[in-house]
Amino acid sequence: MDAVGSLSTFPARCAEAPESRFFDREIRQLLYGRGRNVYRILFTIQDDVVSVLHIRHGAREVMKPDDQD
């Protein structure tokens, strides 16, 4: 929860996620964890609102529009 909370301070510091190429809006990612326990927090920024879309284990494939998990 601390990692998600950190997005309230300069969320644009995070890199664009690979998923961004499949969607009509920019999706960014924050990596959290170490070693085999890395998670990707996928989110969007619109004006001053950060919306967390998904939290995925780092070993999972890139999410595409037709994924239903």
PDB file of N, CA and C in Angstrom:
ATOM      1  N   MET A   1       0.823  -1.196   0.000  1.00  0.00           N
ATOM      2  CA  MET A   1       0.000   0.000   0.000  1.00  0.00           C
ATOM      3  C   MET A   1       0.867   1.260   0.000  1.00  0.00           C
ATOM      4  N   ASP A   2       2.053   1.179   0.589  1.00  0.00           N
ATOM      5  CA  ASP A   2       2.944   2.339   0.589  1.00  0.00           C
ATOM      6  C   ASP A   2       3.369   2.698  -0.834  1.00  0.00           C
ATOM      7  N   ALA A   3       3.626   1.674  -1.653  1.00  0.00           N
ATOM      8  CA  ALA A   3       4.036   1.926  -3.043  1.00  0.00           C
ATOM      9  C   ALA A   3       2.919   2.639  -3.801  1.00  0.00           C
ATOM     10  N   VAL A   4       1.691   2.178  -3.634  1.00  0.00           N
ATOM     11  CA  VAL A   4       0.548   2.821  -4.298  1.00  0.00           C
ATOM     12  C   VAL A   4       0.390   4.240  -3.773  1.00  0.00           C
ATOM     13  N   GLY A   5       0.523   4.414  -2.490  1.00  0.00           N
ATOM     14  CA  GLY A   5       0.410   5.744  -1.895  1.00  0.00           C
ATOM     15  C   GLY A   5       1.461   6.710  -2.398  1.00  0.00           C
ATOM     16  N   SER A   6       2.636   6.184  -2.758  1.00  0.00           N
ATOM     17  CA  SER A   6       3.708   7.052  -3.250  1.00  0.00           C
ATOM     18  C   SER A   6       3.365   7.688  -4.594  1.00  0.00           C
ATOM     19  N   LEU A   7       2.366   7.162  -5.282  1.00  0.00           N
ATOM     20  CA  LEU A   7       1.968   7.717  -6.580  1.00  0.00           C
ATOM     21  C   LEU A   7       1.335   9.102  -6.443  1.00  0.00           C
ATOM     22  N   SER A   8       0.963   9.468  -5.233  1.00  0.00           N
ATOM     23  CA  SER A   8       0.382  10.802  -5.043  1.00  0.00           C
ATOM     24  C   SER A   8       1.437  11.897  -5.194  1.00  0.00           C
ATOM     25  N   THR A   9       2.707  11.526  -5.145  1.00  0.00           N
ATOM     26  CA  THR A   9       3.808  12.468  -5.313  1.00  0.00           C
ATOM     27  C   THR A   9       4.515  12.188  -6.631  1.00  0.00           C
ATOM     28  N   PHE A  10       4.327  13.045  -7.600  1.00  0.00           N
ATOM     29  CA  PHE A  10       4.979  12.984  -8.906  1.00  0.00           C
ATOM     30  C   PHE A  10       4.868  11.606  -9.577  1.00  0.00           C
ATOM     31  N   PRO A  11       3.660  11.181  -9.926  1.00  0.00           N
ATOM     32  CA  PRO A  11       3.475   9.876 -10.570  1.00  0.00           C
ATOM     33  C   PRO A  11       4.109   9.783 -11.957  1.00  0.00           C
ATOM     34  N   ALA A  12       4.354  10.934 -12.585  1.00  0.00           N
ATOM     35  CA  ALA A  12       4.954  10.926 -13.924  1.00  0.00           C
ATOM     36  C   ALA A  12       6.413  10.474 -13.894  1.00  0.00           C
ATOM     37  N   ARG A  13       6.980  10.265 -12.706  1.00  0.00           N
ATOM     38  CA  ARG A  13       8.349   9.765 -12.590  1.00  0.00           C
ATOM     39  C   ARG A  13       8.457   8.325 -13.088  1.00  0.00           C
ATOM     40  N   CYS A  14       7.340   7.638 -13.117  1.00  0.00           N
ATOM     41  CA  CYS A  14       7.315   6.230 -13.498  1.00  0.00           C
ATOM     42  C   CYS A  14       7.303   6.079 -15.016  1.00  0.00           C
ATOM     43  N   ALA A  15       7.920   5.018 -15.481  1.00  0.00           N
ATOM     44  CA  ALA A  15       8.035   4.767 -16.919  1.00  0.00           C
ATOM     45  C   ALA A  15       6.693   4.365 -17.528  1.00  0.00           C
ATOM     46  N   GLU A  16       6.601   4.582 -18.830  1.00  0.00           N
ATOM     47  CA  GLU A  16       5.423   4.121 -19.566  1.00  0.00           C
ATOM     48  C   GLU A  16       5.466   2.585 -19.601  1.00  0.00           C
ATOM     49  N   ALA A  17       4.316   1.961 -19.392  1.00  0.00           N
ATOM     50  CA  ALA A  17       4.220   0.501 -19.395  1.00  0.00           C
ATOM     51  C   ALA A  17       4.118  -0.023 -20.827  1.00  0.00           C
ATOM     52  N   PRO A  18       4.607  -1.244 -21.077  1.00  0.00           N
ATOM     53  CA  PRO A  18       4.475  -1.831 -22.408  1.00  0.00           C
ATOM     54  C   PRO A  18       3.013  -1.916 -22.862  1.00  0.00           C
ATOM     55  N   GLU A  19       2.097  -2.048 -21.926  1.00  0.00           N
ATOM     56  CA  GLU A  19       0.666  -2.138 -22.240  1.00  0.00           C
ATOM     57  C   GLU A  19       0.150  -0.892 -22.943  1.00  0.00           C
ATOM     58  N   SER A  20       0.813   0.208 -22.764  1.00  0.00           N
ATOM     59  CA  SER A  20       0.357   1.482 -23.310  1.00  0.00           C
ATOM     60  C   SER A  20       0.143   1.418 -24.818  1.00  0.00           C
ATOM     61  N   ARG A  21       0.915   0.616 -25.513  1.00  0.00           N
ATOM     62  CA  ARG A  21       0.792   0.537 -26.979  1.00  0.00           C
ATOM     63  C   ARG A  21      -0.507  -0.129 -27.428  1.00  0.00           C
ATOM     64  N   PHE A  22      -1.188  -0.850 -26.540  1.00  0.00           N
ATOM     65  CA  PHE A  22      -2.426  -1.551 -26.895  1.00  0.00           C
ATOM     66  C   PHE A  22      -3.683  -0.766 -26.546  1.00  0.00           C
ATOM     67  N   PHE A  23      -3.543   0.344 -25.839  1.00  0.00           N
ATOM     68  CA  PHE A  23      -4.699   1.090 -25.357  1.00  0.00           C
ATOM     69  C   PHE A  23      -4.658   2.520 -25.866  1.00  0.00           C
ATOM     70  N   ASP A  24      -5.782   3.208 -25.784  1.00  0.00           N
ATOM     71  CA  ASP A  24      -5.869   4.568 -26.311  1.00  0.00           C
ATOM     72  C   ASP A  24      -5.467   5.638 -25.299  1.00  0.00           C
ATOM     73  N   ARG A  25      -4.915   5.241 -24.178  1.00  0.00           N
ATOM     74  CA  ARG A  25      -4.414   6.205 -23.196  1.00  0.00           C
ATOM     75  C   ARG A  25      -3.066   5.721 -22.669  1.00  0.00           C
ATOM     76  N   GLU A  26      -2.329   6.655 -22.134  1.00  0.00           N
ATOM     77  CA  GLU A  26      -1.009   6.307 -21.617  1.00  0.00           C
ATOM     78  C   GLU A  26      -1.149   5.545 -20.303  1.00  0.00           C
ATOM     79  N   ILE A  27      -0.494   4.410 -20.232  1.00  0.00           N
ATOM     80  CA  ILE A  27      -0.465   3.603 -19.017  1.00  0.00           C
ATOM     81  C   ILE A  27       0.978   3.592 -18.523  1.00  0.00           C
ATOM     82  N   ARG A  28       1.146   3.888 -17.262  1.00  0.00           N
ATOM     83  CA  ARG A  28       2.477   3.904 -16.644  1.00  0.00           C
ATOM     84  C   ARG A  28       2.586   2.747 -15.654  1.00  0.00           C
ATOM     85  N   GLN A  29       3.816   2.456 -15.242  1.00  0.00           N
ATOM     86  CA  GLN A  29       4.019   1.378 -14.296  1.00  0.00           C
ATOM     87  C   GLN A  29       4.997   1.772 -13.205  1.00  0.00           C
ATOM     88  N   LEU A  30       4.707   1.306 -12.020  1.00  0.00           N
ATOM     89  CA  LEU A  30       5.609   1.445 -10.877  1.00  0.00           C
ATOM     90  C   LEU A  30       6.012   0.034 -10.487  1.00  0.00           C
ATOM     91  N   LEU A  31       7.313  -0.226 -10.469  1.00  0.00           N
ATOM     92  CA  LEU A  31       7.803  -1.541 -10.064  1.00  0.00           C
ATOM     93  C   LEU A  31       7.985  -1.544  -8.560  1.00  0.00           C
ATOM     94  N   TYR A  32       7.529  -2.639  -7.929  1.00  0.00           N
ATOM     95  CA  TYR A  32       7.601  -2.744  -6.480  1.00  0.00           C
ATOM     96  C   TYR A  32       8.059  -4.147  -6.101  1.00  0.00           C
ATOM     97  N   GLY A  33       8.998  -4.236  -5.192  1.00  0.00           N
ATOM     98  CA  GLY A  33       9.478  -5.523  -4.709  1.00  0.00           C
ATOM     99  C   GLY A  33      10.904  -5.790  -5.151  1.00  0.00           C
ATOM    100  N   ARG A  34      11.373  -7.008  -4.823  1.00  0.00           N
ATOM    101  CA  ARG A  34      12.742  -7.400  -5.150  1.00  0.00           C
ATOM    102  C   ARG A  34      12.788  -8.853  -5.593  1.00  0.00           C
ATOM    103  N   GLY A  35      13.829  -9.139  -6.372  1.00  0.00           N
ATOM    104  CA  GLY A  35      14.067 -10.522  -6.795  1.00  0.00           C
ATOM    105  C   GLY A  35      12.893 -11.109  -7.543  1.00  0.00           C
ATOM    106  N   ARG A  36      12.415 -12.251  -7.065  1.00  0.00           N
ATOM    107  CA  ARG A  36      11.296 -12.948  -7.704  1.00  0.00           C
ATOM    108  C   ARG A  36       9.945 -12.362  -7.310  1.00  0.00           C
ATOM    109  N   ASN A  37       9.955 -11.439  -6.401  1.00  0.00           N
ATOM    110  CA  ASN A  37       8.699 -10.856  -5.905  1.00  0.00           C
ATOM    111  C   ASN A  37       8.515  -9.421  -6.365  1.00  0.00           C
ATOM    112  N   VAL A  38       8.715  -9.188  -7.654  1.00  0.00           N
ATOM    113  CA  VAL A  38       8.504  -7.857  -8.213  1.00  0.00           C
ATOM    114  C   VAL A  38       7.098  -7.786  -8.800  1.00  0.00           C
ATOM    115  N   TYR A  39       6.401  -6.727  -8.470  1.00  0.00           N
ATOM    116  CA  TYR A  39       5.054  -6.491  -8.992  1.00  0.00           C
ATOM    117  C   TYR A  39       5.065  -5.201  -9.795  1.00  0.00           C
ATOM    118  N   ARG A  40       4.214  -5.157 -10.803  1.00  0.00           N
ATOM    119  CA  ARG A  40       4.050  -3.957 -11.624  1.00  0.00           C
ATOM    120  C   ARG A  40       2.700  -3.345 -11.279  1.00  0.00           C
ATOM    121  N   ILE A  41       2.712  -2.132 -10.831  1.00  0.00           N
ATOM    122  CA  ILE A  41       1.482  -1.405 -10.536  1.00  0.00           C
ATOM    123  C   ILE A  41       1.181  -0.564 -11.771  1.00  0.00           C
ATOM    124  N   LEU A  42       0.119  -0.920 -12.490  1.00  0.00           N
ATOM    125  CA  LEU A  42      -0.262  -0.230 -13.719  1.00  0.00           C
ATOM    126  C   LEU A  42      -1.274   0.859 -13.389  1.00  0.00           C
ATOM    127  N   PHE A  43      -1.040   2.052 -13.912  1.00  0.00           N
ATOM    128  CA  PHE A  43      -1.934   3.167 -13.579  1.00  0.00           C
ATOM    129  C   PHE A  43      -1.961   4.196 -14.704  1.00  0.00           C
ATOM    130  N   THR A  44      -2.964   5.065 -14.638  1.00  0.00           N
ATOM    131  CA  THR A  44      -3.072   6.192 -15.561  1.00  0.00           C
ATOM    132  C   THR A  44      -3.066   7.483 -14.752  1.00  0.00           C
ATOM    133  N   ILE A  45      -2.729   8.563 -15.450  1.00  0.00           N
ATOM    134  CA  ILE A  45      -2.763   9.899 -14.851  1.00  0.00           C
ATOM    135  C   ILE A  45      -3.652  10.762 -15.730  1.00  0.00           C
ATOM    136  N   GLN A  46      -4.657  11.371 -15.135  1.00  0.00           N
ATOM    137  CA  GLN A  46      -5.498  12.313 -15.865  1.00  0.00           C
ATOM    138  C   GLN A  46      -5.682  13.543 -14.987  1.00  0.00           C
ATOM    139  N   ASP A  47      -5.148  14.653 -15.468  1.00  0.00           N
ATOM    140  CA  ASP A  47      -5.104  15.891 -14.685  1.00  0.00           C
ATOM    141  C   ASP A  47      -4.346  15.615 -13.384  1.00  0.00           C
ATOM    142  N   ASP A  48      -4.997  15.739 -12.235  1.00  0.00           N
ATOM    143  CA  ASP A  48      -4.319  15.457 -10.964  1.00  0.00           C
ATOM    144  C   ASP A  48      -4.837  14.177 -10.304  1.00  0.00           C
ATOM    145  N   VAL A  49      -5.453  13.290 -11.114  1.00  0.00           N
ATOM    146  CA  VAL A  49      -6.005  12.038 -10.598  1.00  0.00           C
ATOM    147  C   VAL A  49      -5.199  10.851 -11.117  1.00  0.00           C
ATOM    148  N   VAL A  50      -4.740  10.009 -10.192  1.00  0.00           N
ATOM    149  CA  VAL A  50      -4.037   8.773 -10.534  1.00  0.00           C
ATOM    150  C   VAL A  50      -5.002   7.626 -10.300  1.00  0.00           C
ATOM    151  N   SER A  51      -5.205   6.800 -11.338  1.00  0.00           N
ATOM    152  CA  SER A  51      -6.109   5.646 -11.225  1.00  0.00           C
ATOM    153  C   SER A  51      -5.302   4.368 -11.398  1.00  0.00           C
ATOM    154  N   VAL A  52      -5.283   3.523 -10.359  1.00  0.00           N
ATOM    155  CA  VAL A  52      -4.599   2.235 -10.435  1.00  0.00           C
ATOM    156  C   VAL A  52      -5.507   1.282 -11.193  1.00  0.00           C
ATOM    157  N   LEU A  53      -4.977   0.700 -12.256  1.00  0.00           N
ATOM    158  CA  LEU A  53      -5.750  -0.198 -13.112  1.00  0.00           C
ATOM    159  C   LEU A  53      -5.582  -1.654 -12.729  1.00  0.00           C
ATOM    160  N   HIS A  54      -4.353  -2.027 -12.373  1.00  0.00           N
ATOM    161  CA  HIS A  54      -4.067  -3.435 -12.145  1.00  0.00           C
ATOM    162  C   HIS A  54      -2.738  -3.559 -11.423  1.00  0.00           C
ATOM    163  N   ILE A  55      -2.602  -4.585 -10.613  1.00  0.00           N
ATOM    164  CA  ILE A  55      -1.314  -4.935 -10.016  1.00  0.00           C
ATOM    165  C   ILE A  55      -1.014  -6.350 -10.474  1.00  0.00           C
ATOM    166  N   ARG A  56       0.104  -6.497 -11.180  1.00  0.00           N
ATOM    167  CA  ARG A  56       0.466  -7.786 -11.791  1.00  0.00           C
ATOM    168  C   ARG A  56       1.847  -8.212 -11.319  1.00  0.00           C
ATOM    169  N   HIS A  57       2.016  -9.519 -11.181  1.00  0.00           N
ATOM    170  CA  HIS A  57       3.348 -10.046 -10.873  1.00  0.00           C
ATOM    171  C   HIS A  57       4.251  -9.744 -12.061  1.00  0.00           C
ATOM    172  N   GLY A  58       5.488  -9.391 -11.801  1.00  0.00           N
ATOM    173  CA  GLY A  58       6.421  -9.010 -12.848  1.00  0.00           C
ATOM    174  C   GLY A  58       6.710 -10.096 -13.871  1.00  0.00           C
ATOM    175  N   ALA A  59       6.501 -11.369 -13.518  1.00  0.00           N
ATOM    176  CA  ALA A  59       6.778 -12.469 -14.444  1.00  0.00           C
ATOM    177  C   ALA A  59       5.649 -12.701 -15.439  1.00  0.00           C
ATOM    178  N   ARG A  60       4.504 -12.092 -15.200  1.00  0.00           N
ATOM    179  CA  ARG A  60       3.365 -12.286 -16.109  1.00  0.00           C
ATOM    180  C   ARG A  60       3.580 -11.539 -17.410  1.00  0.00           C
ATOM    181  N   GLU A  61       2.963 -12.046 -18.463  1.00  0.00           N
ATOM    182  CA  GLU A  61       3.066 -11.408 -19.770  1.00  0.00           C
ATOM    183  C   GLU A  61       2.385 -10.044 -19.758  1.00  0.00           C
ATOM    184  N   VAL A  62       2.717  -9.249 -20.740  1.00  0.00           N
ATOM    185  CA  VAL A  62       2.111  -7.933 -20.897  1.00  0.00           C
ATOM    186  C   VAL A  62       0.609  -8.096 -21.109  1.00  0.00           C
ATOM    187  N   MET A  63      -0.176  -7.266 -20.442  1.00  0.00           N
ATOM    188  CA  MET A  63      -1.629  -7.324 -20.543  1.00  0.00           C
ATOM    189  C   MET A  63      -2.082  -6.711 -21.864  1.00  0.00           C
ATOM    190  N   LYS A  64      -3.034  -7.382 -22.526  1.00  0.00           N
ATOM    191  CA  LYS A  64      -3.591  -6.911 -23.799  1.00  0.00           C
ATOM    192  C   LYS A  64      -5.082  -6.653 -23.622  1.00  0.00           C
ATOM    193  N   PRO A  65      -5.700  -5.906 -24.532  1.00  0.00           N
ATOM    194  CA  PRO A  65      -7.116  -5.540 -24.374  1.00  0.00           C
ATOM    195  C   PRO A  65      -8.055  -6.733 -24.216  1.00  0.00           C
ATOM    196  N   ASP A  66      -7.756  -7.873 -24.795  1.00  0.00           N
ATOM    197  CA  ASP A  66      -8.668  -9.019 -24.708  1.00  0.00           C
ATOM    198  C   ASP A  66      -8.408  -9.912 -23.497  1.00  0.00           C
ATOM    199  N   ASP A  67      -7.451  -9.548 -22.645  1.00  0.00           N
ATOM    200  CA  ASP A  67      -7.188 -10.330 -21.423  1.00  0.00           C
ATOM    201  C   ASP A  67      -8.329 -10.132 -20.432  1.00  0.00           C
ATOM    202  N   GLN A  68      -8.748 -11.223 -19.817  1.00  0.00           N
ATOM    203  CA  GLN A  68      -9.860 -11.162 -18.862  1.00  0.00           C
ATOM    204  C   GLN A  68      -9.460 -11.831 -17.558  1.00  0.00           C
ATOM    205  N   ASP A  69      -8.560 -11.193 -16.788  1.00  0.00           N
ATOM    206  CA  ASP A  69      -8.227 -11.799 -15.494  1.00  0.00           C
ATOM    207  C   ASP A  69      -8.531 -10.922 -14.383  1.00  0.00           C
TER     208      ASP A  69
END
